[in-house]
Amino acid sequence: MGVARHSGWLVSTNQTEYHMNNKNKKGFTLVEIMIVVVIIGLLAAMAIPAFNKVRLESRKKAVTNNLRQLASAAAQYMLDKGVTQAAYSDLVGTATDAYIRSISPVAGEVYSSITIDQGMSALTISATAFGTITFNM
């Protein structure tokens, strides 16, 4: 057993080797970090498509709800005015007699071209993000 000088103290070489080896064992190895990164990547690869699917379904439901509101406002407008047709411009606005304040597009759909007839059974709208949505009245 030898003696070595370490920071002004006399210690045996066996103790010095023990402390040096013990110091190197702290922290993570590169392999452990890489394994964690791969696991996180796999989890993200599974979660992102599921999130996108839920987001698309949420957008479709929001558009369906917008169509339902338009159909309801059109029915009320036709009853109040005694007409058989209601255009988007008749229903939406900031005036006190408007039936809907505003309709916010969710995915680039355009509501301003919609005209609702009294005998219609469904409202349909298209958007590039999700295709065609139909609301059965």
N, C-alpha and C. Protein backbone atom coordinates (compact mmCIF):
# COMPACT_ATOMS: atom_id res chain seq x y z
N MET A 1 0.86 -1.16 0.00
CA MET A 1 0.00 0.00 0.00
C MET A 1 0.90 1.21 0.00
N GLY A 2 0.77 2.05 -1.00
CA GLY A 2 1.61 3.23 -1.13
C GLY A 2 0.94 4.45 -0.54
N VAL A 3 1.72 5.50 -0.43
CA VAL A 3 1.21 6.75 0.12
C VAL A 3 1.36 7.81 -0.97
N ALA A 4 0.33 8.61 -1.15
CA ALA A 4 0.37 9.67 -2.15
C ALA A 4 -0.04 10.99 -1.53
N ARG A 5 0.48 12.07 -2.08
CA ARG A 5 0.12 13.40 -1.59
C ARG A 5 -1.05 13.88 -2.44
N HIS A 6 -2.14 14.26 -1.77
CA HIS A 6 -3.35 14.70 -2.46
C HIS A 6 -3.90 15.91 -1.73
N SER A 7 -3.83 17.08 -2.34
CA SER A 7 -4.34 18.32 -1.78
C SER A 7 -3.78 18.61 -0.40
N GLY A 8 -2.51 18.35 -0.20
CA GLY A 8 -1.89 18.67 1.06
C GLY A 8 -2.07 17.61 2.13
N TRP A 9 -2.77 16.54 1.84
CA TRP A 9 -3.00 15.49 2.83
C TRP A 9 -2.28 14.24 2.37
N LEU A 10 -1.89 13.46 3.31
CA LEU A 10 -1.30 12.17 2.98
C LEU A 10 -2.40 11.14 3.01
N VAL A 11 -2.58 10.47 1.91
CA VAL A 11 -3.60 9.42 1.84
C VAL A 11 -2.99 8.22 1.16
N SER A 12 -3.57 7.07 1.40
CA SER A 12 -3.04 5.87 0.74
C SER A 12 -3.49 5.87 -0.71
N THR A 13 -2.73 5.22 -1.58
CA THR A 13 -3.07 5.16 -3.00
C THR A 13 -4.38 4.41 -3.21
N ASN A 14 -4.69 3.44 -2.39
CA ASN A 14 -5.95 2.70 -2.54
C ASN A 14 -7.14 3.62 -2.30
N GLN A 15 -7.02 4.52 -1.32
CA GLN A 15 -8.11 5.46 -1.07
C GLN A 15 -8.23 6.45 -2.22
N THR A 16 -7.11 6.90 -2.76
CA THR A 16 -7.14 7.84 -3.87
C THR A 16 -7.81 7.21 -5.08
N GLU A 17 -7.45 5.97 -5.39
CA GLU A 17 -8.09 5.28 -6.51
C GLU A 17 -9.58 5.10 -6.27
N TYR A 18 -9.97 4.79 -5.03
CA TYR A 18 -11.38 4.62 -4.71
C TYR A 18 -12.15 5.92 -4.95
N HIS A 19 -11.58 7.06 -4.46
CA HIS A 19 -12.27 8.34 -4.62
C HIS A 19 -12.32 8.76 -6.08
N MET A 20 -11.29 8.49 -6.85
CA MET A 20 -11.30 8.86 -8.27
C MET A 20 -12.31 8.03 -9.03
N ASN A 21 -12.37 6.73 -8.76
CA ASN A 21 -13.34 5.88 -9.45
C ASN A 21 -14.76 6.23 -9.03
N ASN A 22 -14.96 6.54 -7.78
CA ASN A 22 -16.27 6.92 -7.28
C ASN A 22 -16.73 8.22 -7.93
N LYS A 23 -15.83 9.15 -8.15
CA LYS A 23 -16.17 10.43 -8.77
C LYS A 23 -16.62 10.24 -10.21
N ASN A 24 -16.05 9.31 -10.94
CA ASN A 24 -16.40 9.07 -12.33
C ASN A 24 -17.75 8.39 -12.50
N LYS A 25 -18.30 7.81 -11.48
CA LYS A 25 -19.56 7.09 -11.59
C LYS A 25 -20.78 7.99 -11.44
N LYS A 26 -20.56 9.26 -11.12
CA LYS A 26 -21.69 10.18 -10.99
C LYS A 26 -22.17 10.58 -12.39
N GLY A 27 -23.51 10.86 -12.52
CA GLY A 27 -24.06 11.30 -13.80
C GLY A 27 -24.51 10.12 -14.67
N PHE A 28 -24.92 10.46 -15.90
CA PHE A 28 -25.42 9.46 -16.83
C PHE A 28 -24.40 9.24 -17.94
N THR A 29 -24.40 8.04 -18.46
CA THR A 29 -23.53 7.76 -19.59
C THR A 29 -24.21 8.23 -20.87
N LEU A 30 -23.45 8.34 -21.92
CA LEU A 30 -23.99 8.76 -23.21
C LEU A 30 -25.05 7.76 -23.70
N VAL A 31 -24.83 6.50 -23.48
CA VAL A 31 -25.79 5.47 -23.91
C VAL A 31 -27.11 5.64 -23.17
N GLU A 32 -27.06 5.90 -21.87
CA GLU A 32 -28.30 6.09 -21.11
C GLU A 32 -29.07 7.30 -21.62
N ILE A 33 -28.37 8.39 -21.89
CA ILE A 33 -29.03 9.59 -22.40
C ILE A 33 -29.63 9.33 -23.77
N MET A 34 -28.92 8.61 -24.62
CA MET A 34 -29.43 8.29 -25.95
C MET A 34 -30.69 7.41 -25.86
N ILE A 35 -30.72 6.48 -24.94
CA ILE A 35 -31.89 5.62 -24.76
C ILE A 35 -33.10 6.47 -24.36
N VAL A 36 -32.89 7.40 -23.45
CA VAL A 36 -33.98 8.28 -23.01
C VAL A 36 -34.48 9.13 -24.18
N VAL A 37 -33.57 9.65 -24.99
CA VAL A 37 -33.96 10.46 -26.15
C VAL A 37 -34.76 9.62 -27.14
N VAL A 38 -34.35 8.39 -27.38
CA VAL A 38 -35.09 7.52 -28.30
C VAL A 38 -36.48 7.21 -27.76
N ILE A 39 -36.60 6.96 -26.47
CA ILE A 39 -37.91 6.67 -25.87
C ILE A 39 -38.82 7.89 -25.99
N ILE A 40 -38.29 9.08 -25.73
CA ILE A 40 -39.10 10.30 -25.86
C ILE A 40 -39.52 10.50 -27.32
N GLY A 41 -38.62 10.21 -28.25
CA GLY A 41 -38.96 10.32 -29.67
C GLY A 41 -40.07 9.36 -30.07
N LEU A 42 -40.01 8.14 -29.56
CA LEU A 42 -41.07 7.16 -29.87
C LEU A 42 -42.41 7.59 -29.29
N LEU A 43 -42.39 8.09 -28.07
CA LEU A 43 -43.64 8.57 -27.46
C LEU A 43 -44.22 9.75 -28.25
N ALA A 44 -43.36 10.66 -28.68
CA ALA A 44 -43.83 11.79 -29.48
C ALA A 44 -44.37 11.32 -30.82
N ALA A 45 -43.72 10.33 -31.42
CA ALA A 45 -44.18 9.81 -32.72
C ALA A 45 -45.57 9.18 -32.60
N MET A 46 -45.88 8.64 -31.45
CA MET A 46 -47.21 8.05 -31.25
C MET A 46 -48.24 9.11 -30.87
N ALA A 47 -47.82 10.12 -30.12
CA ALA A 47 -48.77 11.10 -29.60
C ALA A 47 -49.17 12.16 -30.63
N ILE A 48 -48.28 12.58 -31.48
CA ILE A 48 -48.57 13.67 -32.43
C ILE A 48 -49.68 13.30 -33.41
N PRO A 49 -49.66 12.12 -34.04
CA PRO A 49 -50.79 11.79 -34.93
C PRO A 49 -52.13 11.71 -34.19
N ALA A 50 -52.11 11.19 -32.97
CA ALA A 50 -53.35 11.13 -32.20
C ALA A 50 -53.85 12.53 -31.88
N PHE A 51 -52.94 13.43 -31.53
CA PHE A 51 -53.32 14.81 -31.26
C PHE A 51 -53.90 15.47 -32.50
N ASN A 52 -53.29 15.25 -33.65
CA ASN A 52 -53.79 15.84 -34.90
C ASN A 52 -55.17 15.32 -35.25
N LYS A 53 -55.41 14.04 -34.98
CA LYS A 53 -56.73 13.46 -35.26
C LYS A 53 -57.79 14.09 -34.37
N VAL A 54 -57.48 14.26 -33.10
CA VAL A 54 -58.42 14.88 -32.17
C VAL A 54 -58.67 16.34 -32.56
N ARG A 55 -57.62 17.03 -32.99
CA ARG A 55 -57.75 18.42 -33.42
C ARG A 55 -58.65 18.55 -34.65
N LEU A 56 -58.48 17.64 -35.62
CA LEU A 56 -59.31 17.66 -36.82
C LEU A 56 -60.78 17.39 -36.47
N GLU A 57 -61.01 16.41 -35.61
CA GLU A 57 -62.39 16.11 -35.19
C GLU A 57 -63.01 17.31 -34.47
N SER A 58 -62.22 18.00 -33.68
CA SER A 58 -62.72 19.18 -32.97
C SER A 58 -63.10 20.28 -33.96
N ARG A 59 -62.29 20.46 -34.99
CA ARG A 59 -62.61 21.46 -36.01
C ARG A 59 -63.89 21.10 -36.75
N LYS A 60 -64.04 19.81 -37.09
CA LYS A 60 -65.26 19.37 -37.78
C LYS A 60 -66.50 19.63 -36.92
N LYS A 61 -66.39 19.37 -35.63
CA LYS A 61 -67.53 19.60 -34.73
C LYS A 61 -67.83 21.09 -34.59
N ALA A 62 -66.80 21.92 -34.60
CA ALA A 62 -67.02 23.37 -34.53
C ALA A 62 -67.73 23.87 -35.79
N VAL A 63 -67.35 23.35 -36.96
CA VAL A 63 -68.00 23.74 -38.21
C VAL A 63 -69.44 23.24 -38.22
N THR A 64 -69.67 22.02 -37.76
CA THR A 64 -71.03 21.49 -37.67
C THR A 64 -71.88 22.35 -36.75
N ASN A 65 -71.31 22.79 -35.65
CA ASN A 65 -72.03 23.67 -34.73
C ASN A 65 -72.34 25.01 -35.38
N ASN A 66 -71.41 25.54 -36.16
CA ASN A 66 -71.68 26.79 -36.89
C ASN A 66 -72.85 26.62 -37.86
N LEU A 67 -72.87 25.49 -38.57
CA LEU A 67 -73.97 25.21 -39.50
C LEU A 67 -75.30 25.07 -38.76
N ARG A 68 -75.25 24.44 -37.60
CA ARG A 68 -76.46 24.28 -36.79
C ARG A 68 -76.99 25.65 -36.35
N GLN A 69 -76.08 26.53 -35.95
CA GLN A 69 -76.50 27.88 -35.54
C GLN A 69 -77.10 28.65 -36.72
N LEU A 70 -76.48 28.51 -37.89
CA LEU A 70 -77.04 29.16 -39.08
C LEU A 70 -78.42 28.62 -39.41
N ALA A 71 -78.60 27.31 -39.34
CA ALA A 71 -79.91 26.71 -39.64
C ALA A 71 -80.96 27.18 -38.65
N SER A 72 -80.59 27.24 -37.39
CA SER A 72 -81.53 27.70 -36.36
C SER A 72 -81.89 29.17 -36.56
N ALA A 73 -80.89 29.99 -36.85
CA ALA A 73 -81.15 31.41 -37.09
C ALA A 73 -82.00 31.60 -38.34
N ALA A 74 -81.76 30.80 -39.37
CA ALA A 74 -82.54 30.90 -40.61
C ALA A 74 -84.00 30.52 -40.37
N ALA A 75 -84.21 29.47 -39.58
CA ALA A 75 -85.59 29.07 -39.27
C ALA A 75 -86.31 30.18 -38.52
N GLN A 76 -85.64 30.79 -37.56
CA GLN A 76 -86.24 31.88 -36.80
C GLN A 76 -86.50 33.10 -37.70
N TYR A 77 -85.56 33.40 -38.58
CA TYR A 77 -85.69 34.53 -39.52
C TYR A 77 -86.89 34.31 -40.44
N MET A 78 -87.01 33.09 -40.98
CA MET A 78 -88.13 32.81 -41.90
C MET A 78 -89.48 32.89 -41.19
N LEU A 79 -89.53 32.47 -39.93
CA LEU A 79 -90.77 32.59 -39.16
C LEU A 79 -91.10 34.06 -38.88
N ASP A 80 -90.09 34.82 -38.46
CA ASP A 80 -90.32 36.23 -38.12
C ASP A 80 -90.71 37.06 -39.33
N LYS A 81 -90.04 36.85 -40.45
CA LYS A 81 -90.24 37.69 -41.64
C LYS A 81 -91.29 37.14 -42.61
N GLY A 82 -91.68 35.89 -42.43
CA GLY A 82 -92.67 35.29 -43.32
C GLY A 82 -92.13 35.02 -44.72
N VAL A 83 -90.85 34.70 -44.83
CA VAL A 83 -90.21 34.43 -46.12
C VAL A 83 -89.81 32.95 -46.16
N THR A 84 -89.42 32.49 -47.35
CA THR A 84 -89.04 31.09 -47.50
C THR A 84 -87.55 30.90 -47.75
N GLN A 85 -86.79 32.00 -47.68
CA GLN A 85 -85.36 31.91 -47.94
C GLN A 85 -84.62 32.89 -47.05
N ALA A 86 -83.43 32.48 -46.58
CA ALA A 86 -82.60 33.37 -45.75
C ALA A 86 -81.16 33.27 -46.21
N ALA A 87 -80.58 34.41 -46.52
CA ALA A 87 -79.18 34.45 -46.91
C ALA A 87 -78.32 34.71 -45.67
N TYR A 88 -77.06 34.40 -45.78
CA TYR A 88 -76.12 34.63 -44.68
C TYR A 88 -76.15 36.09 -44.24
N SER A 89 -76.20 36.99 -45.19
CA SER A 89 -76.20 38.43 -44.87
C SER A 89 -77.46 38.86 -44.12
N ASP A 90 -78.56 38.10 -44.27
CA ASP A 90 -79.79 38.40 -43.53
C ASP A 90 -79.68 37.98 -42.07
N LEU A 91 -78.82 37.03 -41.79
CA LEU A 91 -78.75 36.42 -40.46
C LEU A 91 -77.65 36.99 -39.57
N VAL A 92 -76.53 37.33 -40.16
CA VAL A 92 -75.34 37.68 -39.39
C VAL A 92 -75.05 39.16 -39.49
N GLY A 93 -74.76 39.78 -38.35
CA GLY A 93 -74.40 41.19 -38.34
C GLY A 93 -74.35 41.74 -36.94
N THR A 94 -74.05 43.02 -36.84
CA THR A 94 -73.95 43.66 -35.53
C THR A 94 -75.20 44.47 -35.17
N ALA A 95 -76.15 44.54 -36.09
CA ALA A 95 -77.39 45.29 -35.83
C ALA A 95 -78.19 44.58 -34.74
N THR A 96 -79.09 45.32 -34.13
CA THR A 96 -79.89 44.74 -33.04
C THR A 96 -80.86 43.68 -33.54
N ASP A 97 -81.22 43.72 -34.82
CA ASP A 97 -82.14 42.71 -35.35
C ASP A 97 -81.42 41.53 -36.01
N ALA A 98 -80.10 41.45 -35.89
CA ALA A 98 -79.35 40.31 -36.44
C ALA A 98 -79.58 39.08 -35.58
N TYR A 99 -79.64 37.95 -36.20
CA TYR A 99 -79.93 36.70 -35.50
C TYR A 99 -78.66 36.04 -34.96
N ILE A 100 -77.53 36.36 -35.56
CA ILE A 100 -76.23 35.86 -35.11
C ILE A 100 -75.24 37.02 -35.19
N ARG A 101 -74.45 37.21 -34.17
CA ARG A 101 -73.45 38.30 -34.18
C ARG A 101 -72.36 38.03 -35.21
N SER A 102 -71.76 36.85 -35.15
CA SER A 102 -70.71 36.50 -36.12
C SER A 102 -70.49 35.00 -36.12
N ILE A 103 -69.96 34.52 -37.22
CA ILE A 103 -69.55 33.12 -37.36
C ILE A 103 -68.06 33.15 -37.68
N SER A 104 -67.26 32.55 -36.83
CA SER A 104 -65.81 32.53 -37.04
C SER A 104 -65.41 31.29 -37.82
N PRO A 105 -64.76 31.47 -38.94
CA PRO A 105 -64.26 30.30 -39.68
C PRO A 105 -63.23 29.53 -38.85
N VAL A 106 -63.30 28.23 -38.92
CA VAL A 106 -62.41 27.38 -38.15
C VAL A 106 -61.23 26.91 -39.00
N ALA A 107 -61.50 26.57 -40.25
CA ALA A 107 -60.46 25.99 -41.11
C ALA A 107 -60.53 26.54 -42.53
N GLY A 108 -60.83 27.80 -42.66
CA GLY A 108 -60.86 28.42 -43.99
C GLY A 108 -62.16 28.26 -44.74
N GLU A 109 -63.20 27.78 -44.09
CA GLU A 109 -64.49 27.65 -44.77
C GLU A 109 -65.15 29.01 -44.92
N VAL A 110 -65.99 29.15 -45.94
CA VAL A 110 -66.63 30.44 -46.23
C VAL A 110 -68.14 30.26 -46.06
N TYR A 111 -68.69 31.02 -45.13
CA TYR A 111 -70.12 30.93 -44.84
C TYR A 111 -70.94 31.96 -45.62
N SER A 112 -70.32 33.02 -46.11
CA SER A 112 -71.05 34.15 -46.69
C SER A 112 -71.85 33.78 -47.94
N SER A 113 -71.51 32.66 -48.58
CA SER A 113 -72.24 32.28 -49.79
C SER A 113 -73.43 31.36 -49.50
N ILE A 114 -73.69 31.08 -48.25
CA ILE A 114 -74.78 30.16 -47.89
C ILE A 114 -76.13 30.87 -47.95
N THR A 115 -77.06 30.21 -48.61
CA THR A 115 -78.46 30.63 -48.62
C THR A 115 -79.30 29.42 -48.21
N ILE A 116 -80.21 29.64 -47.27
CA ILE A 116 -81.00 28.54 -46.72
C ILE A 116 -82.44 28.70 -47.17
N ASP A 117 -82.95 27.62 -47.79
CA ASP A 117 -84.35 27.60 -48.22
C ASP A 117 -85.18 26.86 -47.18
N GLN A 118 -86.45 27.17 -47.13
CA GLN A 118 -87.34 26.58 -46.13
C GLN A 118 -87.44 25.07 -46.27
N GLY A 119 -87.41 24.54 -47.46
CA GLY A 119 -87.57 23.10 -47.65
C GLY A 119 -86.28 22.29 -47.58
N MET A 120 -85.17 22.95 -47.30
CA MET A 120 -83.88 22.24 -47.28
C MET A 120 -83.83 21.25 -46.13
N SER A 121 -83.17 20.12 -46.38
CA SER A 121 -83.03 19.13 -45.31
C SER A 121 -81.61 19.08 -44.77
N ALA A 122 -80.66 19.73 -45.46
CA ALA A 122 -79.27 19.69 -45.00
C ALA A 122 -78.51 20.93 -45.46
N LEU A 123 -77.53 21.33 -44.66
CA LEU A 123 -76.60 22.40 -45.01
C LEU A 123 -75.23 21.77 -45.22
N THR A 124 -74.53 22.19 -46.26
CA THR A 124 -73.21 21.64 -46.57
C THR A 124 -72.22 22.76 -46.79
N ILE A 125 -71.01 22.54 -46.29
CA ILE A 125 -69.93 23.51 -46.49
C ILE A 125 -68.63 22.74 -46.69
N SER A 126 -67.73 23.33 -47.47
CA SER A 126 -66.44 22.67 -47.76
C SER A 126 -65.29 23.55 -47.30
N ALA A 127 -64.20 22.87 -46.90
CA ALA A 127 -62.95 23.56 -46.55
C ALA A 127 -61.80 22.65 -46.94
N THR A 128 -60.69 23.27 -47.28
CA THR A 128 -59.54 22.47 -47.72
C THR A 128 -58.96 21.63 -46.61
N ALA A 129 -59.13 22.04 -45.37
CA ALA A 129 -58.51 21.33 -44.25
C ALA A 129 -59.17 19.98 -43.96
N PHE A 130 -60.48 19.87 -44.22
CA PHE A 130 -61.16 18.61 -43.85
C PHE A 130 -62.19 18.13 -44.84
N GLY A 131 -62.37 18.78 -45.95
CA GLY A 131 -63.33 18.32 -46.95
C GLY A 131 -64.69 18.95 -46.75
N THR A 132 -65.73 18.15 -46.90
CA THR A 132 -67.12 18.63 -46.84
C THR A 132 -67.78 18.21 -45.54
N ILE A 133 -68.50 19.14 -44.95
CA ILE A 133 -69.26 18.86 -43.72
C ILE A 133 -70.73 19.11 -44.04
N THR A 134 -71.59 18.19 -43.62
CA THR A 134 -73.02 18.33 -43.84
C THR A 134 -73.74 18.30 -42.50
N PHE A 135 -74.65 19.25 -42.32
CA PHE A 135 -75.50 19.28 -41.13
C PHE A 135 -76.92 18.99 -41.59
N ASN A 136 -77.49 17.91 -41.08
CA ASN A 136 -78.88 17.55 -41.41
C ASN A 136 -79.82 18.33 -40.50
N MET A 137 -80.73 19.08 -41.15
CA MET A 137 -81.63 19.94 -40.37
C MET A 137 -82.85 19.19 -39.90
